Structures are given as structure tokens and as C-alpha cells.
Amino acid sequence: MATTTFLGNATCNITQGVTTYDVTDQLSSAVLTVGNDALETTAFSTSNPTGRTYTAGLQQGELTLTLYLSYGSGEVEAALAACVGKTSTIVISPSGTTESPSNPEYTIEGFLESFSPLNSSIGELSTVDAVFTVSSWTRDIT
């Protein structure tokens, strides 16, 4: 049985309008969940009379980025402030920027409803969770 060990080192770029923010150096965690809505196709003539059947509907998902807060032009707080209430393009890969079967690149369109621009506790690094609602996504390995 083949096994591999993967050490995460994700890269992440967020594009809002004509500005691209590389937040890789402030990224602590990235969780991407992608899928499709389940549309029921059960009919009287279905070959499975004891259960429901489904087909894929519209794409959907969620991307949660945990970032260290930093302030200033081009930093995390400015990037997220530019994205609030808008759909942005996020390009993310598990390890580096070169796509391959072992490092797929995901390009998503995601809506950021809100974020916390201030999260401060004495003696701790400030972080923010940015949760993007994914409206569409593609996976590239070439």
C-alpha cells in the first residue's frame, strides 16, 4: 500500500478588481471545501425504487483562510477590506505555485461577507479568519 506524507505550504493570491494581493507570507491555515448542490432526480421509473437518486447542480463551497493580521498598503487588512461585500478571485495551491497532479491549483470565485479587522489579545499574535462563500471553482494540474 502506497503512502505519502504531505507537509502543507500553501500559496494564496487574492484578486479584487485589478489588484492582486499575495497573502502567502501571512497565511497560517487554509481549508477549501468544494462541491455541487444535490438535485433530486427520483422518478417513478427509477431502477432504484427504494431510494432517491441525485445529480450535480450548481457549484458551491467554502474557503476559510486564517491569516496573521498586518496593516498597511497591500497587507492582509487592506486586502480583506477591499474584498468585503464583493466577489473576488482566489488562486490557491497546497504547496508552491507550480501546478502538477501532486500540487493542484484551485481558482475560485468567492464572496467575503465580513471579516474582523481587529482581533487583539495581550501577548498573542493577531489573526483573522476570512470565510469566502465559493460560487464557482476550477482545478488545474497543468
Protein backbone atom coordinates (compact mmCIF):
# COMPACT_ATOMS: atom_id res chain seq x y z
CA MET A 1 0.00 0.00 0.00
CA ALA A 2 1.47 3.35 -1.05
CA THR A 3 1.61 6.15 1.47
CA THR A 4 2.83 9.71 1.28
CA THR A 5 3.46 12.45 3.78
CA PHE A 6 2.35 15.93 2.85
CA LEU A 7 3.66 18.99 4.64
CA GLY A 8 1.44 21.96 3.84
CA ASN A 9 2.95 25.16 2.48
CA ALA A 10 0.02 26.68 0.63
CA THR A 11 0.30 29.68 -1.67
CA CYS A 12 -2.59 32.11 -1.92
CA ASN A 13 -3.31 35.15 -4.08
CA ILE A 14 -6.50 37.20 -3.79
CA THR A 15 -7.53 39.42 -6.70
CA GLN A 16 -10.09 42.17 -6.20
CA GLY A 17 -10.64 44.33 -9.27
CA VAL A 18 -7.22 44.93 -10.84
CA THR A 19 -5.25 44.46 -7.61
CA THR A 20 -3.72 41.11 -6.62
CA TYR A 21 -2.68 40.55 -3.02
CA ASP A 22 -0.17 37.77 -2.28
CA VAL A 23 -1.08 36.75 1.27
CA THR A 24 1.09 33.62 1.32
CA ASP A 25 3.54 35.09 3.82
CA GLN A 26 0.71 35.79 6.31
CA LEU A 27 -1.26 32.56 5.75
CA SER A 28 -1.45 30.22 8.73
CA SER A 29 -4.20 27.86 7.57
CA ALA A 30 -6.36 27.28 4.50
CA VAL A 31 -9.39 24.99 4.29
CA LEU A 32 -11.19 24.66 0.95
CA THR A 33 -14.40 22.66 0.63
CA VAL A 34 -15.85 22.36 -2.87
CA GLY A 35 -18.80 20.51 -4.34
CA ASN A 36 -22.12 20.80 -6.10
CA ASP A 37 -25.69 21.17 -4.93
CA ALA A 38 -27.52 17.82 -4.97
CA LEU A 39 -30.57 17.91 -7.24
CA GLU A 40 -33.09 15.12 -6.82
CA THR A 41 -33.89 13.10 -9.96
CA THR A 42 -36.05 10.38 -8.41
CA ALA A 43 -38.81 9.28 -10.78
CA PHE A 44 -41.44 6.55 -10.82
CA SER A 45 -39.47 4.61 -13.44
CA THR A 46 -36.20 4.71 -11.47
CA SER A 47 -34.27 1.43 -11.31
CA ASN A 48 -33.81 2.02 -7.56
CA PRO A 49 -37.39 2.02 -6.21
CA THR A 50 -36.26 2.04 -2.54
CA GLY A 51 -34.16 5.22 -2.54
CA ARG A 52 -33.77 8.65 -4.01
CA THR A 53 -31.44 9.49 -6.91
CA TYR A 54 -29.49 12.71 -7.45
CA THR A 55 -27.46 14.65 -9.99
CA ALA A 56 -24.98 17.51 -9.62
CA GLY A 57 -26.38 21.01 -9.59
CA LEU A 58 -24.58 24.34 -9.29
CA GLN A 59 -21.05 24.55 -7.89
CA GLN A 60 -20.65 25.74 -4.30
CA GLY A 61 -18.24 25.59 -1.41
CA GLU A 62 -16.37 27.49 1.26
CA LEU A 63 -12.80 28.72 1.69
CA THR A 64 -11.56 29.64 5.17
CA LEU A 65 -8.23 31.45 5.35
CA THR A 66 -6.58 32.04 8.73
CA LEU A 67 -4.20 34.96 8.34
CA TYR A 68 -1.89 36.89 10.62
CA LEU A 69 -3.19 40.44 10.75
CA SER A 70 -0.92 43.05 9.25
CA TYR A 71 -1.73 46.64 8.40
CA GLY A 72 -0.59 48.93 5.62
CA SER A 73 -0.83 49.19 1.87
CA GLY A 74 -1.01 45.74 0.29
CA GLU A 75 -1.21 43.93 3.64
CA VAL A 76 -3.84 41.48 4.93
CA GLU A 77 -6.21 44.04 6.47
CA ALA A 78 -6.21 46.17 3.30
CA ALA A 79 -6.74 43.10 1.11
CA LEU A 80 -9.73 41.86 3.11
CA ALA A 81 -11.21 45.36 3.42
CA ALA A 82 -11.14 45.60 -0.39
CA CYS A 83 -12.97 42.26 -0.68
CA VAL A 84 -15.83 42.78 1.81
CA GLY A 85 -19.21 42.68 0.10
CA LYS A 86 -17.69 41.63 -3.23
CA THR A 87 -16.79 38.55 -5.20
CA SER A 88 -13.04 38.08 -5.52
CA THR A 89 -10.83 35.62 -7.37
CA ILE A 90 -8.63 33.49 -5.14
CA VAL A 91 -5.90 31.22 -6.53
CA ILE A 92 -4.62 28.69 -4.02
CA SER A 93 -2.31 25.67 -4.20
CA PRO A 94 -1.28 23.23 -1.47
CA SER A 95 2.47 23.67 -1.96
CA GLY A 96 4.07 26.27 -4.22
CA THR A 97 2.98 27.87 -7.46
CA THR A 98 3.80 25.11 -9.97
CA GLU A 99 0.70 23.05 -10.75
CA SER A 100 1.04 19.29 -11.04
CA PRO A 101 -1.01 16.20 -10.20
CA SER A 102 0.54 16.34 -6.71
CA ASN A 103 0.01 20.13 -6.39
CA PRO A 104 -3.34 21.10 -7.93
CA GLU A 105 -4.15 24.78 -8.29
CA TYR A 106 -7.67 25.88 -7.41
CA THR A 107 -9.11 29.09 -8.83
CA ILE A 108 -12.24 30.13 -7.04
CA GLU A 109 -14.72 32.95 -7.18
CA GLY A 110 -15.61 33.72 -3.58
CA PHE A 111 -17.78 36.26 -1.78
CA LEU A 112 -16.50 37.72 1.51
CA GLU A 113 -19.48 38.80 3.60
CA SER A 114 -17.48 40.17 6.54
CA PHE A 115 -14.22 39.97 8.49
CA SER A 116 -12.80 41.19 11.81
CA PRO A 117 -10.16 43.86 11.11
CA LEU A 118 -9.17 43.94 14.76
CA ASN A 119 -8.50 40.85 16.87
CA SER A 120 -6.04 41.75 19.60
CA SER A 121 -5.05 39.98 22.82
CA ILE A 122 -2.10 40.84 25.00
CA GLY A 123 0.94 38.67 24.30
CA GLU A 124 -0.59 36.92 21.26
CA LEU A 125 -0.26 37.25 17.51
CA SER A 126 -3.38 38.75 15.95
CA THR A 127 -5.13 36.54 13.43
CA VAL A 128 -8.26 36.80 11.33
CA ASP A 129 -10.45 34.12 9.74
CA ALA A 130 -11.69 35.15 6.32
CA VAL A 131 -14.54 32.92 5.17
CA PHE A 132 -15.31 33.14 1.46
CA THR A 133 -18.53 31.62 0.11
CA VAL A 134 -17.48 29.88 -3.11
CA SER A 135 -19.72 30.41 -6.13
CA SER A 136 -17.52 28.61 -8.70
CA TRP A 137 -14.23 26.76 -8.78
CA THR A 138 -11.80 25.09 -11.18
CA ARG A 139 -8.95 22.67 -10.56
CA ASP A 140 -5.79 22.79 -12.71
CA ILE A 141 -2.85 20.37 -12.72
CA THR A 142 -1.06 21.58 -15.87
